Amino acid sequence: HARYRFVELPGLHQTGLYRASALKEIGGYRDLPDWPVDMDFWGRFFESGLKVGKISDPQAVYRWRQHPGQSTRTHGRCSLENLRMCKAHFLAGRQGGPARNREVQVWSVGSTLIAWAEEMRKHC
């Protein structure tokens, strides 16, 4: 559901199945140096009003593995800082973002709280 898009990893990008027309509608993938390509994709996907669903048996269509060399672990644009910047952009920075011109409560502790609060201030 779109309301969960700002929760840490509400779904795995690799498991998404969508029509080519949906990809075209949002302008395709963008190779951005500043933040994760997948989070940018899903941010624009939900922002455009497209919907997602869940299949009953994910094992029937998908097998997932991780390895130390994958870009989500090695590419700078996938850093926690850049992920936070991307999420704040879609949460509050864009016209029509769900937190645009609204009070936002950031719940966390320590350096995570400070980093989120600072990033949100940039976009609100």
C-alpha atoms as a PDB file:
ATOM      1  CA  HIS A   1       0.000   0.000   0.000  1.00  0.00           C
ATOM      2  CA  ALA A   2       1.252   3.487  -0.862  1.00  0.00           C
ATOM      3  CA  ARG A   3       1.016   4.741   2.729  1.00  0.00           C
ATOM      4  CA  TYR A   4       3.844   2.369   3.726  1.00  0.00           C
ATOM      5  CA  ARG A   5       6.314   3.702   1.167  1.00  0.00           C
ATOM      6  CA  PHE A   6       8.254   5.665   3.780  1.00  0.00           C
ATOM      7  CA  VAL A   7       8.687   2.703   6.123  1.00  0.00           C
ATOM      8  CA  GLU A   8      12.168   1.200   5.943  1.00  0.00           C
ATOM      9  CA  LEU A   9      12.033  -1.289   3.071  1.00  0.00           C
ATOM     10  CA  PRO A  10       8.297  -1.974   2.945  1.00  0.00           C
ATOM     11  CA  GLY A  11       8.971  -4.264  -0.028  1.00  0.00           C
ATOM     12  CA  LEU A  12      11.895  -5.389  -2.057  1.00  0.00           C
ATOM     13  CA  HIS A  13      12.329  -3.614  -5.369  1.00  0.00           C
ATOM     14  CA  GLN A  14      13.614  -6.803  -6.944  1.00  0.00           C
ATOM     15  CA  THR A  15      10.261  -8.497  -6.368  1.00  0.00           C
ATOM     16  CA  GLY A  16       8.184  -5.864  -8.146  1.00  0.00           C
ATOM     17  CA  LEU A  17       6.274  -6.883 -11.249  1.00  0.00           C
ATOM     18  CA  TYR A  18       4.683  -4.067 -13.208  1.00  0.00           C
ATOM     19  CA  ARG A  19       3.545  -3.342 -16.725  1.00  0.00           C
ATOM     20  CA  ALA A  20       5.884  -1.618 -19.167  1.00  0.00           C
ATOM     21  CA  SER A  21       3.210   1.064 -19.574  1.00  0.00           C
ATOM     22  CA  ALA A  22       3.560   1.932 -15.855  1.00  0.00           C
ATOM     23  CA  LEU A  23       7.317   2.274 -16.259  1.00  0.00           C
ATOM     24  CA  LYS A  24       6.813   4.563 -19.257  1.00  0.00           C
ATOM     25  CA  GLU A  25       4.170   6.583 -17.421  1.00  0.00           C
ATOM     26  CA  ILE A  26       6.627   7.640 -14.720  1.00  0.00           C
ATOM     27  CA  GLY A  27       9.519   8.250 -17.101  1.00  0.00           C
ATOM     28  CA  GLY A  28      11.390   4.969 -16.623  1.00  0.00           C
ATOM     29  CA  TYR A  29      14.378   4.428 -14.423  1.00  0.00           C
ATOM     30  CA  ARG A  30      16.659   7.399 -13.853  1.00  0.00           C
ATOM     31  CA  ASP A  31      20.367   6.841 -13.331  1.00  0.00           C
ATOM     32  CA  LEU A  32      20.840   9.413 -10.583  1.00  0.00           C
ATOM     33  CA  PRO A  33      24.202   9.875  -8.884  1.00  0.00           C
ATOM     34  CA  ASP A  34      22.693  11.215  -5.651  1.00  0.00           C
ATOM     35  CA  TRP A  35      20.320   8.538  -4.403  1.00  0.00           C
ATOM     36  CA  PRO A  36      19.119   4.959  -4.892  1.00  0.00           C
ATOM     37  CA  VAL A  37      17.546   4.274  -8.283  1.00  0.00           C
ATOM     38  CA  ASP A  38      14.948   1.924  -6.805  1.00  0.00           C
ATOM     39  CA  MET A  39      13.736   4.371  -4.164  1.00  0.00           C
ATOM     40  CA  ASP A  40      13.461   7.089  -6.813  1.00  0.00           C
ATOM     41  CA  PHE A  41      11.457   4.669  -8.974  1.00  0.00           C
ATOM     42  CA  TRP A  42       8.999   3.763  -6.201  1.00  0.00           C
ATOM     43  CA  GLY A  43       8.725   7.371  -5.046  1.00  0.00           C
ATOM     44  CA  ARG A  44       7.649   8.462  -8.516  1.00  0.00           C
ATOM     45  CA  PHE A  45       5.505   5.329  -8.947  1.00  0.00           C
ATOM     46  CA  PHE A  46       3.370   6.103  -5.897  1.00  0.00           C
ATOM     47  CA  GLU A  47       3.454   9.847  -6.507  1.00  0.00           C
ATOM     48  CA  SER A  48       1.811   9.260  -9.894  1.00  0.00           C
ATOM     49  CA  GLY A  49      -1.052   7.387  -8.218  1.00  0.00           C
ATOM     50  CA  LEU A  50      -0.164   3.908  -9.502  1.00  0.00           C
ATOM     51  CA  LYS A  51      -1.194   1.038  -7.253  1.00  0.00           C
ATOM     52  CA  VAL A  52       0.503  -2.143  -6.053  1.00  0.00           C
ATOM     53  CA  GLY A  53      -0.749  -5.461  -4.746  1.00  0.00           C
ATOM     54  CA  LYS A  54       0.584  -8.658  -3.272  1.00  0.00           C
ATOM     55  CA  ILE A  55       0.556 -12.101  -4.847  1.00  0.00           C
ATOM     56  CA  SER A  56      -0.461 -15.015  -2.671  1.00  0.00           C
ATOM     57  CA  ASP A  57       2.583 -17.229  -3.320  1.00  0.00           C
ATOM     58  CA  PRO A  58       5.805 -15.243  -3.889  1.00  0.00           C
ATOM     59  CA  GLN A  59       7.828 -18.475  -3.991  1.00  0.00           C
ATOM     60  CA  ALA A  60       6.074 -19.347  -7.234  1.00  0.00           C
ATOM     61  CA  VAL A  61       7.692 -16.497  -9.166  1.00  0.00           C
ATOM     62  CA  TYR A  62      10.779 -15.327  -7.343  1.00  0.00           C
ATOM     63  CA  ARG A  63      13.952 -16.403  -5.598  1.00  0.00           C
ATOM     64  CA  TRP A  64      16.171 -13.740  -4.042  1.00  0.00           C
ATOM     65  CA  ARG A  65      19.803 -13.746  -2.988  1.00  0.00           C
ATOM     66  CA  GLN A  66      22.218 -11.135  -1.689  1.00  0.00           C
ATOM     67  CA  HIS A  67      25.949 -10.900  -2.163  1.00  0.00           C
ATOM     68  CA  PRO A  68      28.669  -8.568  -0.857  1.00  0.00           C
ATOM     69  CA  GLY A  69      29.355  -7.030  -4.271  1.00  0.00           C
ATOM     70  CA  GLN A  70      25.821  -5.886  -5.089  1.00  0.00           C
ATOM     71  CA  SER A  71      25.405  -2.181  -5.718  1.00  0.00           C
ATOM     72  CA  THR A  72      23.071  -1.680  -2.757  1.00  0.00           C
ATOM     73  CA  ARG A  73      26.060  -2.485  -0.549  1.00  0.00           C
ATOM     74  CA  THR A  74      28.828  -0.868  -2.578  1.00  0.00           C
ATOM     75  CA  HIS A  75      27.533   2.136  -4.559  1.00  0.00           C
ATOM     76  CA  GLY A  76      27.697   5.520  -2.844  1.00  0.00           C
ATOM     77  CA  ARG A  77      24.251   6.552  -4.011  1.00  0.00           C
ATOM     78  CA  CYS A  78      22.830   3.742  -1.844  1.00  0.00           C
ATOM     79  CA  SER A  79      24.274   5.105   1.388  1.00  0.00           C
ATOM     80  CA  LEU A  80      21.959   5.675   4.341  1.00  0.00           C
ATOM     81  CA  GLU A  81      22.398   9.427   3.924  1.00  0.00           C
ATOM     82  CA  ASN A  82      21.345   9.340   0.277  1.00  0.00           C
ATOM     83  CA  LEU A  83      18.444   6.996   1.012  1.00  0.00           C
ATOM     84  CA  ARG A  84      17.239   9.426   3.699  1.00  0.00           C
ATOM     85  CA  MET A  85      17.604  12.374   1.280  1.00  0.00           C
ATOM     86  CA  CYS A  86      15.550  10.543  -1.363  1.00  0.00           C
ATOM     87  CA  LYS A  87      12.776   9.622   1.073  1.00  0.00           C
ATOM     88  CA  ALA A  88      12.594  13.165   2.479  1.00  0.00           C
ATOM     89  CA  HIS A  89      12.362  14.498  -1.082  1.00  0.00           C
ATOM     90  CA  PHE A  90       9.282  12.389  -1.842  1.00  0.00           C
ATOM     91  CA  LEU A  91       7.794  12.771   1.646  1.00  0.00           C
ATOM     92  CA  ALA A  92       7.981  16.542   1.931  1.00  0.00           C
ATOM     93  CA  GLY A  93      10.089  18.099  -0.785  1.00  0.00           C
ATOM     94  CA  ARG A  94       7.855  17.670  -3.789  1.00  0.00           C
ATOM     95  CA  GLN A  95       4.594  19.430  -4.424  1.00  0.00           C
ATOM     96  CA  GLY A  96       1.872  17.140  -3.168  1.00  0.00           C
ATOM     97  CA  GLY A  97       4.137  15.061  -0.923  1.00  0.00           C
ATOM     98  CA  PRO A  98       2.119  13.711   2.027  1.00  0.00           C
ATOM     99  CA  ALA A  99       4.061  15.831   4.529  1.00  0.00           C
ATOM    100  CA  ARG A 100       4.261  18.990   2.402  1.00  0.00           C
ATOM    101  CA  ASN A 101       3.292  22.033   4.511  1.00  0.00           C
ATOM    102  CA  ARG A 102       2.388  19.849   7.477  1.00  0.00           C
ATOM    103  CA  GLU A 103       3.908  19.306  10.878  1.00  0.00           C
ATOM    104  CA  VAL A 104       6.053  16.167  10.844  1.00  0.00           C
ATOM    105  CA  GLN A 105       6.985  14.084  13.869  1.00  0.00           C
ATOM    106  CA  VAL A 106      10.220  12.154  13.568  1.00  0.00           C
ATOM    107  CA  TRP A 107      10.464   9.288  16.047  1.00  0.00           C
ATOM    108  CA  SER A 108      13.883   7.832  16.611  1.00  0.00           C
ATOM    109  CA  VAL A 109      16.900   8.257  18.848  1.00  0.00           C
ATOM    110  CA  GLY A 110      20.433   9.595  18.741  1.00  0.00           C
ATOM    111  CA  SER A 111      22.198  10.220  15.454  1.00  0.00           C
ATOM    112  CA  THR A 112      19.360   8.679  13.428  1.00  0.00           C
ATOM    113  CA  LEU A 113      16.879  11.155  14.901  1.00  0.00           C
ATOM    114  CA  ILE A 114      19.213  14.083  14.354  1.00  0.00           C
ATOM    115  CA  ALA A 115      19.905  13.100  10.730  1.00  0.00           C
ATOM    116  CA  TRP A 116      16.199  12.654   9.899  1.00  0.00           C
ATOM    117  CA  ALA A 117      15.229  15.900  11.614  1.00  0.00           C
ATOM    118  CA  GLU A 118      17.906  17.823   9.709  1.00  0.00           C
ATOM    119  CA  GLU A 119      16.933  16.297   6.359  1.00  0.00           C
ATOM    120  CA  MET A 120      13.237  16.986   6.893  1.00  0.00           C
ATOM    121  CA  ARG A 121      13.970  20.619   7.807  1.00  0.00           C
ATOM    122  CA  LYS A 122      15.621  21.020   4.385  1.00  0.00           C
ATOM    123  CA  HIS A 123      12.446  19.906   2.627  1.00  0.00           C
ATOM    124  CA  CYS A 124       9.630  21.324   4.779  1.00  0.00           C
END
